[in-house]
Amino acid sequence: MGEFVSHRQTYIAIAGVVLALMGLAALVYPVYLNELDPYGMKVDCGSGLISDLGQARNADSDELASSCESALLVRRAWSIPMAAAGLGLIAWFSVLWVREEQQREAEEAEHYVPHPEIARHP
């Protein structure tokens, strides 16, 4: 990282990585209901990415299928914004980092003075 990147910016970038990873992990992690199907197994609704209402529908219960849809909606309602916020913080940090590096390079180019004692020889 450049010398212009402050500790605060670094901490914000780390928070962005943590938020993005937590949001993406929540989307991938399976969603279960606290209810059991007629066979005594926890009802699996799929994950935040892919819905799988087969077990709920096989139980011949519209209530279980509706509960699964609600549970998936709640999971997506908080995990997608969390992942988006984390990715936004990472993008913000990256833009600042690149901009500060370009400013540093421009400042170095401005102050470059070639030594007059060095002459070009053909």
PDB file of N, CA and C in Angstrom:
ATOM      1  N   MET A   1       0.837  -1.169   0.000  1.00  0.00           N
ATOM      2  CA  MET A   1       0.000   0.000   0.000  1.00  0.00           C
ATOM      3  C   MET A   1       0.883   1.233   0.000  1.00  0.00           C
ATOM      4  N   GLY A   2       0.334   2.278  -0.555  1.00  0.00           N
ATOM      5  CA  GLY A   2       1.100   3.506  -0.642  1.00  0.00           C
ATOM      6  C   GLY A   2       1.237   4.171   0.707  1.00  0.00           C
ATOM      7  N   GLU A   3       2.176   5.109   0.744  1.00  0.00           N
ATOM      8  CA  GLU A   3       2.414   5.816   1.993  1.00  0.00           C
ATOM      9  C   GLU A   3       1.302   6.806   2.308  1.00  0.00           C
ATOM     10  N   PHE A   4       0.453   7.115   1.318  1.00  0.00           N
ATOM     11  CA  PHE A   4      -0.637   8.064   1.519  1.00  0.00           C
ATOM     12  C   PHE A   4      -1.884   7.409   2.114  1.00  0.00           C
ATOM     13  N   VAL A   5      -1.962   6.090   2.094  1.00  0.00           N
ATOM     14  CA  VAL A   5      -3.145   5.399   2.607  1.00  0.00           C
ATOM     15  C   VAL A   5      -3.112   5.453   4.130  1.00  0.00           C
ATOM     16  N   SER A   6      -4.156   6.008   4.704  1.00  0.00           N
ATOM     17  CA  SER A   6      -4.190   6.173   6.154  1.00  0.00           C
ATOM     18  C   SER A   6      -4.641   4.877   6.830  1.00  0.00           C
ATOM     19  N   HIS A   7      -4.429   4.838   8.127  1.00  0.00           N
ATOM     20  CA  HIS A   7      -4.858   3.677   8.894  1.00  0.00           C
ATOM     21  C   HIS A   7      -6.377   3.550   8.851  1.00  0.00           C
ATOM     22  N   ARG A   8      -7.066   4.672   8.883  1.00  0.00           N
ATOM     23  CA  ARG A   8      -8.530   4.648   8.841  1.00  0.00           C
ATOM     24  C   ARG A   8      -9.014   3.995   7.550  1.00  0.00           C
ATOM     25  N   GLN A   9      -8.408   4.359   6.431  1.00  0.00           N
ATOM     26  CA  GLN A   9      -8.799   3.772   5.148  1.00  0.00           C
ATOM     27  C   GLN A   9      -8.522   2.271   5.130  1.00  0.00           C
ATOM     28  N   THR A  10      -7.413   1.871   5.717  1.00  0.00           N
ATOM     29  CA  THR A  10      -7.087   0.450   5.779  1.00  0.00           C
ATOM     30  C   THR A  10      -8.099  -0.298   6.629  1.00  0.00           C
ATOM     31  N   TYR A  11      -8.483   0.273   7.748  1.00  0.00           N
ATOM     32  CA  TYR A  11      -9.487  -0.370   8.609  1.00  0.00           C
ATOM     33  C   TYR A  11     -10.841  -0.453   7.907  1.00  0.00           C
ATOM     34  N   ILE A  12     -11.183   0.561   7.145  1.00  0.00           N
ATOM     35  CA  ILE A  12     -12.435   0.534   6.398  1.00  0.00           C
ATOM     36  C   ILE A  12     -12.389  -0.554   5.330  1.00  0.00           C
ATOM     37  N   ALA A  13     -11.246  -0.719   4.684  1.00  0.00           N
ATOM     38  CA  ALA A  13     -11.110  -1.788   3.693  1.00  0.00           C
ATOM     39  C   ALA A  13     -11.231  -3.161   4.344  1.00  0.00           C
ATOM     40  N   ILE A  14     -10.633  -3.332   5.512  1.00  0.00           N
ATOM     41  CA  ILE A  14     -10.737  -4.609   6.225  1.00  0.00           C
ATOM     42  C   ILE A  14     -12.190  -4.865   6.626  1.00  0.00           C
ATOM     43  N   ALA A  15     -12.883  -3.829   7.092  1.00  0.00           N
ATOM     44  CA  ALA A  15     -14.303  -3.971   7.433  1.00  0.00           C
ATOM     45  C   ALA A  15     -15.108  -4.350   6.192  1.00  0.00           C
ATOM     46  N   GLY A  16     -14.765  -3.783   5.051  1.00  0.00           N
ATOM     47  CA  GLY A  16     -15.440  -4.129   3.803  1.00  0.00           C
ATOM     48  C   GLY A  16     -15.246  -5.581   3.435  1.00  0.00           C
ATOM     49  N   VAL A  17     -14.030  -6.084   3.603  1.00  0.00           N
ATOM     50  CA  VAL A  17     -13.762  -7.497   3.307  1.00  0.00           C
ATOM     51  C   VAL A  17     -14.565  -8.391   4.240  1.00  0.00           C
ATOM     52  N   VAL A  18     -14.595  -8.033   5.521  1.00  0.00           N
ATOM     53  CA  VAL A  18     -15.343  -8.834   6.499  1.00  0.00           C
ATOM     54  C   VAL A  18     -16.840  -8.826   6.166  1.00  0.00           C
ATOM     55  N   LEU A  19     -17.391  -7.643   5.881  1.00  0.00           N
ATOM     56  CA  LEU A  19     -18.813  -7.553   5.532  1.00  0.00           C
ATOM     57  C   LEU A  19     -19.130  -8.354   4.278  1.00  0.00           C
ATOM     58  N   ALA A  20     -18.291  -8.230   3.254  1.00  0.00           N
ATOM     59  CA  ALA A  20     -18.528  -8.955   2.007  1.00  0.00           C
ATOM     60  C   ALA A  20     -18.476 -10.460   2.232  1.00  0.00           C
ATOM     61  N   LEU A  21     -17.494 -10.922   2.992  1.00  0.00           N
ATOM     62  CA  LEU A  21     -17.390 -12.365   3.254  1.00  0.00           C
ATOM     63  C   LEU A  21     -18.567 -12.880   4.076  1.00  0.00           C
ATOM     64  N   MET A  22     -18.992 -12.095   5.070  1.00  0.00           N
ATOM     65  CA  MET A  22     -20.133 -12.518   5.882  1.00  0.00           C
ATOM     66  C   MET A  22     -21.412 -12.560   5.044  1.00  0.00           C
ATOM     67  N   GLY A  23     -21.619 -11.565   4.208  1.00  0.00           N
ATOM     68  CA  GLY A  23     -22.806 -11.535   3.360  1.00  0.00           C
ATOM     69  C   GLY A  23     -22.827 -12.675   2.360  1.00  0.00           C
ATOM     70  N   LEU A  24     -21.684 -12.943   1.730  1.00  0.00           N
ATOM     71  CA  LEU A  24     -21.619 -14.038   0.761  1.00  0.00           C
ATOM     72  C   LEU A  24     -21.748 -15.398   1.439  1.00  0.00           C
ATOM     73  N   ALA A  25     -21.149 -15.538   2.626  1.00  0.00           N
ATOM     74  CA  ALA A  25     -21.285 -16.798   3.359  1.00  0.00           C
ATOM     75  C   ALA A  25     -22.736 -17.031   3.769  1.00  0.00           C
ATOM     76  N   ALA A  26     -23.433 -15.972   4.160  1.00  0.00           N
ATOM     77  CA  ALA A  26     -24.839 -16.114   4.542  1.00  0.00           C
ATOM     78  C   ALA A  26     -25.690 -16.524   3.346  1.00  0.00           C
ATOM     79  N   LEU A  27     -25.323 -16.072   2.164  1.00  0.00           N
ATOM     80  CA  LEU A  27     -26.064 -16.481   0.974  1.00  0.00           C
ATOM     81  C   LEU A  27     -25.834 -17.949   0.639  1.00  0.00           C
ATOM     82  N   VAL A  28     -24.646 -18.448   0.899  1.00  0.00           N
ATOM     83  CA  VAL A  28     -24.306 -19.827   0.556  1.00  0.00           C
ATOM     84  C   VAL A  28     -24.769 -20.815   1.633  1.00  0.00           C
ATOM     85  N   TYR A  29     -24.779 -20.379   2.887  1.00  0.00           N
ATOM     86  CA  TYR A  29     -25.141 -21.254   4.004  1.00  0.00           C
ATOM     87  C   TYR A  29     -26.609 -21.661   3.891  1.00  0.00           C
ATOM     88  N   PRO A  30     -26.927 -22.947   4.156  1.00  0.00           N
ATOM     89  CA  PRO A  30     -28.318 -23.404   4.010  1.00  0.00           C
ATOM     90  C   PRO A  30     -29.274 -22.779   5.027  1.00  0.00           C
ATOM     91  N   VAL A  31     -30.533 -22.664   4.605  1.00  0.00           N
ATOM     92  CA  VAL A  31     -31.593 -22.122   5.452  1.00  0.00           C
ATOM     93  C   VAL A  31     -32.471 -23.292   5.909  1.00  0.00           C
ATOM     94  N   TYR A  32     -32.627 -23.438   7.214  1.00  0.00           N
ATOM     95  CA  TYR A  32     -33.482 -24.479   7.785  1.00  0.00           C
ATOM     96  C   TYR A  32     -34.596 -23.820   8.589  1.00  0.00           C
ATOM     97  N   LEU A  33     -35.735 -24.482   8.627  1.00  0.00           N
ATOM     98  CA  LEU A  33     -36.813 -24.038   9.500  1.00  0.00           C
ATOM     99  C   LEU A  33     -36.660 -24.693  10.860  1.00  0.00           C
ATOM    100  N   ASN A  34     -37.234 -24.087  11.870  1.00  0.00           N
ATOM    101  CA  ASN A  34     -37.215 -24.687  13.201  1.00  0.00           C
ATOM    102  C   ASN A  34     -38.311 -25.745  13.345  1.00  0.00           C
ATOM    103  N   GLU A  35     -38.999 -26.035  12.257  1.00  0.00           N
ATOM    104  CA  GLU A  35     -40.069 -27.024  12.267  1.00  0.00           C
ATOM    105  C   GLU A  35     -39.569 -28.323  11.656  1.00  0.00           C
ATOM    106  N   LEU A  36     -40.261 -29.403  11.986  1.00  0.00           N
ATOM    107  CA  LEU A  36     -39.908 -30.720  11.462  1.00  0.00           C
ATOM    108  C   LEU A  36     -40.952 -31.157  10.452  1.00  0.00           C
ATOM    109  N   ASP A  37     -40.511 -31.928   9.459  1.00  0.00           N
ATOM    110  CA  ASP A  37     -41.459 -32.479   8.501  1.00  0.00           C
ATOM    111  C   ASP A  37     -42.118 -33.719   9.120  1.00  0.00           C
ATOM    112  N   PRO A  38     -43.070 -34.351   8.434  1.00  0.00           N
ATOM    113  CA  PRO A  38     -43.755 -35.514   9.026  1.00  0.00           C
ATOM    114  C   PRO A  38     -42.821 -36.675   9.373  1.00  0.00           C
ATOM    115  N   TYR A  39     -41.621 -36.700   8.805  1.00  0.00           N
ATOM    116  CA  TYR A  39     -40.672 -37.776   9.068  1.00  0.00           C
ATOM    117  C   TYR A  39     -39.715 -37.437  10.205  1.00  0.00           C
ATOM    118  N   GLY A  40     -39.866 -36.266  10.802  1.00  0.00           N
ATOM    119  CA  GLY A  40     -39.048 -35.877  11.944  1.00  0.00           C
ATOM    120  C   GLY A  40     -37.734 -35.217  11.585  1.00  0.00           C
ATOM    121  N   MET A  41     -37.591 -34.768  10.355  1.00  0.00           N
ATOM    122  CA  MET A  41     -36.349 -34.119   9.923  1.00  0.00           C
ATOM    123  C   MET A  41     -36.572 -32.608   9.826  1.00  0.00           C
ATOM    124  N   LYS A  42     -35.507 -31.831  10.100  1.00  0.00           N
ATOM    125  CA  LYS A  42     -35.595 -30.378   9.937  1.00  0.00           C
ATOM    126  C   LYS A  42     -35.859 -30.059   8.473  1.00  0.00           C
ATOM    127  N   VAL A  43     -36.667 -29.071   8.239  1.00  0.00           N
ATOM    128  CA  VAL A  43     -37.038 -28.699   6.875  1.00  0.00           C
ATOM    129  C   VAL A  43     -35.937 -27.826   6.277  1.00  0.00           C
ATOM    130  N   ASP A  44     -35.358 -28.310   5.171  1.00  0.00           N
ATOM    131  CA  ASP A  44     -34.309 -27.596   4.447  1.00  0.00           C
ATOM    132  C   ASP A  44     -34.960 -26.789   3.331  1.00  0.00           C
ATOM    133  N   CYS A  45     -34.661 -25.494   3.290  1.00  0.00           N
ATOM    134  CA  CYS A  45     -35.278 -24.603   2.290  1.00  0.00           C
ATOM    135  C   CYS A  45     -34.325 -24.233   1.166  1.00  0.00           C
ATOM    136  N   GLY A  46     -33.117 -24.729   1.192  1.00  0.00           N
ATOM    137  CA  GLY A  46     -32.110 -24.349   0.207  1.00  0.00           C
ATOM    138  C   GLY A  46     -31.163 -23.336   0.814  1.00  0.00           C
ATOM    139  N   SER A  47     -30.646 -22.447  -0.022  1.00  0.00           N
ATOM    140  CA  SER A  47     -29.749 -21.399   0.462  1.00  0.00           C
ATOM    141  C   SER A  47     -30.241 -20.060  -0.065  1.00  0.00           C
ATOM    142  N   GLY A  48     -29.534 -19.011   0.289  1.00  0.00           N
ATOM    143  CA  GLY A  48     -29.908 -17.697  -0.202  1.00  0.00           C
ATOM    144  C   GLY A  48     -29.764 -17.567  -1.703  1.00  0.00           C
ATOM    145  N   LEU A  49     -28.925 -18.394  -2.295  1.00  0.00           N
ATOM    146  CA  LEU A  49     -28.719 -18.353  -3.737  1.00  0.00           C
ATOM    147  C   LEU A  49     -29.725 -19.209  -4.497  1.00  0.00           C
ATOM    148  N   ILE A  50     -30.001 -20.400  -3.968  1.00  0.00           N
ATOM    149  CA  ILE A  50     -30.860 -21.357  -4.668  1.00  0.00           C
ATOM    150  C   ILE A  50     -31.944 -21.850  -3.724  1.00  0.00           C
ATOM    151  N   SER A  51     -33.194 -21.661  -4.107  1.00  0.00           N
ATOM    152  CA  SER A  51     -34.318 -22.152  -3.305  1.00  0.00           C
ATOM    153  C   SER A  51     -34.525 -23.635  -3.585  1.00  0.00           C
ATOM    154  N   ASP A  52     -34.810 -24.385  -2.546  1.00  0.00           N
ATOM    155  CA  ASP A  52     -35.134 -25.799  -2.683  1.00  0.00           C
ATOM    156  C   ASP A  52     -36.315 -26.094  -1.758  1.00  0.00           C
ATOM    157  N   LEU A  53     -37.509 -25.950  -2.292  1.00  0.00           N
ATOM    158  CA  LEU A  53     -38.712 -26.125  -1.498  1.00  0.00           C
ATOM    159  C   LEU A  53     -39.277 -27.535  -1.615  1.00  0.00           C
ATOM    160  N   GLY A  54     -38.501 -28.458  -2.179  1.00  0.00           N
ATOM    161  CA  GLY A  54     -38.967 -29.826  -2.389  1.00  0.00           C
ATOM    162  C   GLY A  54     -39.386 -30.520  -1.112  1.00  0.00           C
ATOM    163  N   GLN A  55     -38.574 -30.433  -0.076  1.00  0.00           N
ATOM    164  CA  GLN A  55     -38.896 -31.097   1.184  1.00  0.00           C
ATOM    165  C   GLN A  55     -40.155 -30.500   1.802  1.00  0.00           C
ATOM    166  N   ALA A  56     -40.314 -29.206   1.742  1.00  0.00           N
ATOM    167  CA  ALA A  56     -41.500 -28.556   2.301  1.00  0.00           C
ATOM    168  C   ALA A  56     -42.748 -28.923   1.510  1.00  0.00           C
ATOM    169  N   ARG A  57     -42.624 -29.024   0.189  1.00  0.00           N
ATOM    170  CA  ARG A  57     -43.787 -29.374  -0.638  1.00  0.00           C
ATOM    171  C   ARG A  57     -44.125 -30.853  -0.526  1.00  0.00           C
ATOM    172  N   ASN A  58     -43.110 -31.699  -0.327  1.00  0.00           N
ATOM    173  CA  ASN A  58     -43.365 -33.131  -0.163  1.00  0.00           C
ATOM    174  C   ASN A  58     -44.104 -33.429   1.130  1.00  0.00           C
ATOM    175  N   ALA A  59     -44.020 -32.551   2.083  1.00  0.00           N
ATOM    176  CA  ALA A  59     -44.725 -32.740   3.351  1.00  0.00           C
ATOM    177  C   ALA A  59     -46.204 -32.407   3.203  1.00  0.00           C
ATOM    178  N   ASP A  60     -46.636 -32.029   1.987  1.00  0.00           N
ATOM    179  CA  ASP A  60     -48.027 -31.677   1.717  1.00  0.00           C
ATOM    180  C   ASP A  60     -48.531 -30.602   2.658  1.00  0.00           C
ATOM    181  N   SER A  61     -47.653 -29.634   2.916  1.00  0.00           N
ATOM    182  CA  SER A  61     -48.036 -28.549   3.805  1.00  0.00           C
ATOM    183  C   SER A  61     -47.715 -27.224   3.133  1.00  0.00           C
ATOM    184  N   ASP A  62     -48.766 -26.504   2.811  1.00  0.00           N
ATOM    185  CA  ASP A  62     -48.560 -25.182   2.219  1.00  0.00           C
ATOM    186  C   ASP A  62     -47.924 -24.241   3.239  1.00  0.00           C
ATOM    187  N   GLU A  63     -48.180 -24.523   4.495  1.00  0.00           N
ATOM    188  CA  GLU A  63     -47.622 -23.688   5.564  1.00  0.00           C
ATOM    189  C   GLU A  63     -46.100 -23.808   5.606  1.00  0.00           C
ATOM    190  N   LEU A  64     -45.573 -25.024   5.443  1.00  0.00           N
ATOM    191  CA  LEU A  64     -44.112 -25.209   5.444  1.00  0.00           C
ATOM    192  C   LEU A  64     -43.483 -24.532   4.230  1.00  0.00           C
ATOM    193  N   ALA A  65     -44.097 -24.666   3.077  1.00  0.00           N
ATOM    194  CA  ALA A  65     -43.560 -24.034   1.867  1.00  0.00           C
ATOM    195  C   ALA A  65     -43.580 -22.510   2.015  1.00  0.00           C
ATOM    196  N   SER A  66     -44.645 -21.984   2.569  1.00  0.00           N
ATOM    197  CA  SER A  66     -44.732 -20.537   2.789  1.00  0.00           C
ATOM    198  C   SER A  66     -43.695 -20.073   3.806  1.00  0.00           C
ATOM    199  N   SER A  67     -43.487 -20.874   4.858  1.00  0.00           N
ATOM    200  CA  SER A  67     -42.478 -20.536   5.864  1.00  0.00           C
ATOM    201  C   SER A  67     -41.082 -20.555   5.259  1.00  0.00           C
ATOM    202  N   CYS A  68     -40.827 -21.522   4.366  1.00  0.00           N
ATOM    203  CA  CYS A  68     -39.520 -21.580   3.691  1.00  0.00           C
ATOM    204  C   CYS A  68     -39.304 -20.340   2.829  1.00  0.00           C
ATOM    205  N   GLU A  69     -40.324 -19.956   2.085  1.00  0.00           N
ATOM    206  CA  GLU A  69     -40.188 -18.773   1.238  1.00  0.00           C
ATOM    207  C   GLU A  69     -39.916 -17.532   2.081  1.00  0.00           C
ATOM    208  N   SER A  70     -40.593 -17.432   3.226  1.00  0.00           N
ATOM    209  CA  SER A  70     -40.363 -16.289   4.117  1.00  0.00           C
ATOM    210  C   SER A  70     -38.952 -16.307   4.695  1.00  0.00           C
ATOM    211  N   ALA A  71     -38.485 -17.495   5.103  1.00  0.00           N
ATOM    212  CA  ALA A  71     -37.136 -17.607   5.671  1.00  0.00           C
ATOM    213  C   ALA A  71     -36.074 -17.240   4.633  1.00  0.00           C
ATOM    214  N   LEU A  72     -36.277 -17.669   3.392  1.00  0.00           N
ATOM    215  CA  LEU A  72     -35.332 -17.319   2.333  1.00  0.00           C
ATOM    216  C   LEU A  72     -35.352 -15.822   2.049  1.00  0.00           C
ATOM    217  N   LEU A  73     -36.537 -15.230   2.075  1.00  0.00           N
ATOM    218  CA  LEU A  73     -36.650 -13.798   1.848  1.00  0.00           C
ATOM    219  C   LEU A  73     -35.929 -13.003   2.930  1.00  0.00           C
ATOM    220  N   VAL A  74     -36.089 -13.418   4.175  1.00  0.00           N
ATOM    221  CA  VAL A  74     -35.409 -12.732   5.280  1.00  0.00           C
ATOM    222  C   VAL A  74     -33.897 -12.870   5.139  1.00  0.00           C
ATOM    223  N   ARG A  75     -33.422 -14.079   4.797  1.00  0.00           N
ATOM    224  CA  ARG A  75     -31.978 -14.280   4.623  1.00  0.00           C
ATOM    225  C   ARG A  75     -31.437 -13.376   3.532  1.00  0.00           C
ATOM    226  N   ARG A  76     -32.150 -13.322   2.418  1.00  0.00           N
ATOM    227  CA  ARG A  76     -31.691 -12.487   1.309  1.00  0.00           C
ATOM    228  C   ARG A  76     -31.789 -11.003   1.640  1.00  0.00           C
ATOM    229  N   ALA A  77     -32.786 -10.631   2.447  1.00  0.00           N
ATOM    230  CA  ALA A  77     -33.020  -9.220   2.767  1.00  0.00           C
ATOM    231  C   ALA A  77     -31.867  -8.605   3.544  1.00  0.00           C
ATOM    232  N   TRP A  78     -31.156  -9.385   4.342  1.00  0.00           N
ATOM    233  CA  TRP A  78     -30.044  -8.794   5.077  1.00  0.00           C
ATOM    234  C   TRP A  78     -28.688  -9.191   4.513  1.00  0.00           C
ATOM    235  N   SER A  79     -28.576 -10.353   3.868  1.00  0.00           N
ATOM    236  CA  SER A  79     -27.252 -10.777   3.396  1.00  0.00           C
ATOM    237  C   SER A  79     -26.836 -10.079   2.097  1.00  0.00           C
ATOM    238  N   ILE A  80     -27.775  -9.820   1.205  1.00  0.00           N
ATOM    239  CA  ILE A  80     -27.417  -9.146  -0.049  1.00  0.00           C
ATOM    240  C   ILE A  80     -26.963  -7.708   0.213  1.00  0.00           C
ATOM    241  N   PRO A  81     -27.690  -6.914   1.015  1.00  0.00           N
ATOM    242  CA  PRO A  81     -27.173  -5.569   1.313  1.00  0.00           C
ATOM    243  C   PRO A  81     -25.845  -5.588   2.071  1.00  0.00           C
ATOM    244  N   MET A  82     -25.645  -6.585   2.938  1.00  0.00           N
ATOM    245  CA  MET A  82     -24.381  -6.675   3.659  1.00  0.00           C
ATOM    246  C   MET A  82     -23.229  -6.926   2.695  1.00  0.00           C
ATOM    247  N   ALA A  83     -23.415  -7.860   1.772  1.00  0.00           N
ATOM    248  CA  ALA A  83     -22.369  -8.149   0.788  1.00  0.00           C
ATOM    249  C   ALA A  83     -22.134  -6.943  -0.119  1.00  0.00           C
ATOM    250  N   ALA A  84     -23.216  -6.269  -0.518  1.00  0.00           N
ATOM    251  CA  ALA A  84     -23.082  -5.091  -1.385  1.00  0.00           C
ATOM    252  C   ALA A  84     -22.346  -3.955  -0.666  1.00  0.00           C
ATOM    253  N   ALA A  85     -22.657  -3.757   0.618  1.00  0.00           N
ATOM    254  CA  ALA A  85     -21.968  -2.711   1.384  1.00  0.00           C
ATOM    255  C   ALA A  85     -20.480  -3.030   1.505  1.00  0.00           C
ATOM    256  N   GLY A  86     -20.160  -4.288   1.767  1.00  0.00           N
ATOM    257  CA  GLY A  86     -18.753  -4.687   1.855  1.00  0.00           C
ATOM    258  C   GLY A  86     -18.015  -4.485   0.549  1.00  0.00           C
ATOM    259  N   LEU A  87     -18.647  -4.886  -0.555  1.00  0.00           N
ATOM    260  CA  LEU A  87     -18.012  -4.698  -1.859  1.00  0.00           C
ATOM    261  C   LEU A  87     -17.892  -3.215  -2.196  1.00  0.00           C
ATOM    262  N   GLY A  88     -18.866  -2.417  -1.759  1.00  0.00           N
ATOM    263  CA  GLY A  88     -18.785  -0.973  -1.971  1.00  0.00           C
ATOM    264  C   GLY A  88     -17.611  -0.359  -1.223  1.00  0.00           C
ATOM    265  N   LEU A  89     -17.398  -0.791   0.026  1.00  0.00           N
ATOM    266  CA  LEU A  89     -16.258  -0.284   0.798  1.00  0.00           C
ATOM    267  C   LEU A  89     -14.932  -0.696   0.157  1.00  0.00           C
ATOM    268  N   ILE A  90     -14.877  -1.912  -0.339  1.00  0.00           N
ATOM    269  CA  ILE A  90     -13.652  -2.371  -1.005  1.00  0.00           C
ATOM    270  C   ILE A  90     -13.402  -1.546  -2.269  1.00  0.00           C
ATOM    271  N   ALA A  91     -14.455  -1.281  -3.031  1.00  0.00           N
ATOM    272  CA  ALA A  91     -14.308  -0.478  -4.252  1.00  0.00           C
ATOM    273  C   ALA A  91     -13.869   0.947  -3.904  1.00  0.00           C
ATOM    274  N   TRP A  92     -14.463   1.532  -2.863  1.00  0.00           N
ATOM    275  CA  TRP A  92     -14.089   2.879  -2.425  1.00  0.00           C
ATOM    276  C   TRP A  92     -12.610   2.928  -2.048  1.00  0.00           C
ATOM    277  N   PHE A  93     -12.158   1.943  -1.278  1.00  0.00           N
ATOM    278  CA  PHE A  93     -10.751   1.894  -0.878  1.00  0.00           C
ATOM    279  C   PHE A  93      -9.851   1.760  -2.107  1.00  0.00           C
ATOM    280  N   SER A  94     -10.237   0.913  -3.045  1.00  0.00           N
ATOM    281  CA  SER A  94      -9.419   0.705  -4.248  1.00  0.00           C
ATOM    282  C   SER A  94      -9.301   1.984  -5.066  1.00  0.00           C
ATOM    283  N   VAL A  95     -10.408   2.708  -5.211  1.00  0.00           N
ATOM    284  CA  VAL A  95     -10.373   3.956  -5.968  1.00  0.00           C
ATOM    285  C   VAL A  95      -9.457   4.964  -5.283  1.00  0.00           C
ATOM    286  N   LEU A  96      -9.577   5.105  -3.962  1.00  0.00           N
ATOM    287  CA  LEU A  96      -8.700   6.034  -3.240  1.00  0.00           C
ATOM    288  C   LEU A  96      -7.238   5.631  -3.362  1.00  0.00           C
ATOM    289  N   TRP A  97      -6.977   4.360  -3.264  1.00  0.00           N
ATOM    290  CA  TRP A  97      -5.604   3.864  -3.331  1.00  0.00           C
ATOM    291  C   TRP A  97      -4.986   4.182  -4.695  1.00  0.00           C
ATOM    292  N   VAL A  98      -5.717   3.872  -5.762  1.00  0.00           N
ATOM    293  CA  VAL A  98      -5.202   4.125  -7.105  1.00  0.00           C
ATOM    294  C   VAL A  98      -5.016   5.632  -7.331  1.00  0.00           C
ATOM    295  N   ARG A  99      -5.994   6.436  -6.889  1.00  0.00           N
ATOM    296  CA  ARG A  99      -5.902   7.888  -7.071  1.00  0.00           C
ATOM    297  C   ARG A  99      -4.709   8.468  -6.323  1.00  0.00           C
ATOM    298  N   GLU A 100      -4.476   8.004  -5.108  1.00  0.00           N
ATOM    299  CA  GLU A 100      -3.345   8.515  -4.332  1.00  0.00           C
ATOM    300  C   GLU A 100      -2.017   8.076  -4.924  1.00  0.00           C
ATOM    301  N   GLU A 101      -1.967   6.871  -5.468  1.00  0.00           N
ATOM    302  CA  GLU A 101      -0.739   6.416  -6.130  1.00  0.00           C
ATOM    303  C   GLU A 101      -0.461   7.267  -7.371  1.00  0.00           C
ATOM    304  N   GLN A 102      -1.507   7.585  -8.117  1.00  0.00           N
ATOM    305  CA  GLN A 102      -1.320   8.426  -9.302  1.00  0.00           C
ATOM    306  C   GLN A 102      -0.870   9.832  -8.913  1.00  0.00           C
ATOM    307  N   GLN A 103      -1.421  10.376  -7.833  1.00  0.00           N
ATOM    308  CA  GLN A 103      -0.998  11.694  -7.369  1.00  0.00           C
ATOM    309  C   GLN A 103       0.461  11.674  -6.931  1.00  0.00           C
ATOM    310  N   ARG A 104       0.858  10.613  -6.255  1.00  0.00           N
ATOM    311  CA  ARG A 104       2.242  10.504  -5.800  1.00  0.00           C
ATOM    312  C   ARG A 104       3.186  10.434  -6.997  1.00  0.00           C
ATOM    313  N   GLU A 105       2.814   9.645  -8.014  1.00  0.00           N
ATOM    314  CA  GLU A 105       3.648   9.537  -9.202  1.00  0.00           C
ATOM    315  C   GLU A 105       3.722  10.876  -9.946  1.00  0.00           C
ATOM    316  N   ALA A 106       2.605  11.599  -9.975  1.00  0.00           N
ATOM    317  CA  ALA A 106       2.597  12.899 -10.647  1.00  0.00           C
ATOM    318  C   ALA A 106       3.489  13.888  -9.899  1.00  0.00           C
ATOM    319  N   GLU A 107       3.466  13.858  -8.569  1.00  0.00           N
ATOM    320  CA  GLU A 107       4.321  14.747  -7.774  1.00  0.00           C
ATOM    321  C   GLU A 107       5.792  14.418  -7.989  1.00  0.00           C
ATOM    322  N   GLU A 108       6.105  13.133  -8.081  1.00  0.00           N
ATOM    323  CA  GLU A 108       7.497  12.743  -8.323  1.00  0.00           C
ATOM    324  C   GLU A 108       7.944  13.180  -9.706  1.00  0.00           C
ATOM    325  N   ALA A 109       7.059  13.099 -10.696  1.00  0.00           N
ATOM    326  CA  ALA A 109       7.411  13.510 -12.057  1.00  0.00           C
ATOM    327  C   ALA A 109       7.608  15.026 -12.128  1.00  0.00           C
ATOM    328  N   GLU A 110       6.842  15.794 -11.365  1.00  0.00           N
ATOM    329  CA  GLU A 110       6.990  17.251 -11.352  1.00  0.00           C
ATOM    330  C   GLU A 110       8.339  17.680 -10.797  1.00  0.00           C
ATOM    331  N   HIS A 111       8.811  16.990  -9.806  1.00  0.00           N
ATOM    332  CA  HIS A 111      10.034  17.381  -9.121  1.00  0.00           C
ATOM    333  C   HIS A 111      11.292  16.776  -9.747  1.00  0.00           C
ATOM    334  N   TYR A 112      11.132  16.029 -10.810  1.00  0.00           N
ATOM    335  CA  TYR A 112      12.283  15.407 -11.448  1.00  0.00           C
ATOM    336  C   TYR A 112      13.047  16.465 -12.237  1.00  0.00           C
ATOM    337  N   VAL A 113      14.318  16.635 -11.880  1.00  0.00           N
ATOM    338  CA  VAL A 113      15.181  17.564 -12.595  1.00  0.00           C
ATOM    339  C   VAL A 113      16.407  16.772 -13.038  1.00  0.00           C
ATOM    340  N   PRO A 114      16.595  16.655 -14.347  1.00  0.00           N
ATOM    341  CA  PRO A 114      17.760  15.899 -14.806  1.00  0.00           C
ATOM    342  C   PRO A 114      19.050  16.652 -14.445  1.00  0.00           C
ATOM    343  N   HIS A 115      20.053  15.910 -14.165  1.00  0.00           N
ATOM    344  CA  HIS A 115      21.345  16.509 -13.796  1.00  0.00           C
ATOM    345  C   HIS A 115      21.980  17.137 -15.037  1.00  0.00           C
ATOM    346  N   PRO A 116      22.339  18.407 -14.984  1.00  0.00           N
ATOM    347  CA  PRO A 116      22.912  19.065 -16.145  1.00  0.00           C
ATOM    348  C   PRO A 116      24.294  18.518 -16.502  1.00  0.00           C
ATOM    349  N   GLU A 117      24.965  17.898 -15.545  1.00  0.00           N
ATOM    350  CA  GLU A 117      26.304  17.399 -15.848  1.00  0.00           C
ATOM    351  C   GLU A 117      26.283  16.119 -16.674  1.00  0.00           C
ATOM    352  N   ILE A 118      25.109  15.512 -16.791  1.00  0.00           N
ATOM    353  CA  ILE A 118      24.997  14.300 -17.621  1.00  0.00           C
ATOM    354  C   ILE A 118      24.581  14.738 -19.007  1.00  0.00           C
ATOM    355  N   ALA A 119      25.432  14.485 -19.938  1.00  0.00           N
ATOM    356  CA  ALA A 119      25.131  14.870 -21.323  1.00  0.00           C
ATOM    357  C   ALA A 119      24.908  13.606 -22.153  1.00  0.00           C
ATOM    358  N   ARG A 120      24.098  13.747 -23.144  1.00  0.00           N
ATOM    359  CA  ARG A 120      23.867  12.602 -24.034  1.00  0.00           C
ATOM    360  C   ARG A 120      24.971  12.589 -25.083  1.00  0.00           C
ATOM    361  N   HIS A 121      25.528  11.425 -25.239  1.00  0.00           N
ATOM    362  CA  HIS A 121      26.557  11.244 -26.265  1.00  0.00           C
ATOM    363  C   HIS A 121      25.993  10.355 -27.363  1.00  0.00           C
ATOM    364  N   PRO A 122      26.203  10.749 -28.611  1.00  0.00           N
ATOM    365  CA  PRO A 122      25.680   9.935 -29.714  1.00  0.00           C
ATOM    366  C   PRO A 122      26.356   8.604 -29.853  1.00  0.00           C
TER     367      PRO A 122
END
